[in-house]
């Protein structure tokens, strides 16, 4: 996802309505207010949570049902503007004390059953709605054009915007809006996007997709509220997405990162500059056909010696294969690497036949000589060292393979001479 493309999307937005609001303090699980949005009338109202709501309906699905009953009557159909989609995390939403407190409960009149259906989903949206200052969100009406609703807890604003350029497909728009509203890589954890995708335009079983940012894979991933076809209701209202931007709260990524990671992104190794034209040439060679994405990745691995973030972005953009699926492929197959590989790949077989004949001693000898661990690459970029399950040469055990050359009956004392030969 290029910054220029995201900027073009952002500049194409038309602000329809924006309101500001004051922060609140959560008391015993409640902000004591909820948000009502009517995208037909372009109105946004902050209404109180009553004691009756808390005592009889508690929160979550209870709040959703209570709010729905206030908007509909006996004759309301799923296609009517009066059919609201309601979201509530419940009074324990966003706590770390109990399992399931990251859930969001969603309700609407279902296109499949024509009754009120509820669905629950994980991700960050429910807790972020709570942190933004609302115990529930109700969205009703029908927009005239493709619309997004943005709840910005950092700037304390809520806006309805026309968004003509963003993708309809959930895996793409989640990435686009995460990139658009985050300040930096670390801040992407604070963005959650709800969308339904183009499938919901053509079926009554459309699901709602809730994004969360996977910092390990560096991609926005999706969880689904799948019951009742609520995604179909979402798209019938011409809602392209709901975005929530949480306050800057980002847990440390790993033990070695302290709480200051909120202010300072965790250190990551710099990635060499990728040859974008070469990557695009490979994609064009396979006619951008998503059926051949593995073949594209093989060619990119051979050319670039690894699958870069740039390559993932280009593959996603031109083949429309979700980034999550591309990362799944890149991490599933041993032939692919997300880190730059050396000019020469050293593979030490640690299969049964080689293991019983001392292959682990050989692997350790390579680690000592190259001053790296298995899975790493030397600083000069010449050698990468891997341990593999089997090289299919059991009669020659223990076996080492460097690029296409196989060495059989290797001993630890042979390692320095093997490395010297490979350098030459």
Foldseek 3Di string as FASTA:
>chain_A
DDPVVLVVQVVPKDFDDKDFDDAADQDQLALQWAWEAEQAVRDIDIGGNDPCQCVPQQAAVSVQVVVLVVQDDPPDFLLDLSWKKKKFQGSQAPPPPDPPNQKIKIWTQFPVPSHIDIFIKGARPRNQCVQLRHRMYIYGYAHPAQWEWEQESARRMITIIHGPPFALAPLRNLQSVLVNPAPDLQQSQQKKKWHFHPVLCPDRQTWIWIWGADSVLSGIDTMTRGPRSVNNSCVSRSYSMYMYGGDLDGDDPDPVDDRCCSVPPDDDDDAPDDDLVVLVVLCVVVPLAPVCVVVSQLVCCVVQVACEPSSLVVNCVSNVDRSVVVVVVQVPDPSHHHHHAAQKEKEWECADLQVVVPSVLQQVLLCVVQVHHAPDAHPVRHYHYHYDHDPPPSVQHRWMDIPHDIDGPDDNVCVVVVVVVSVD
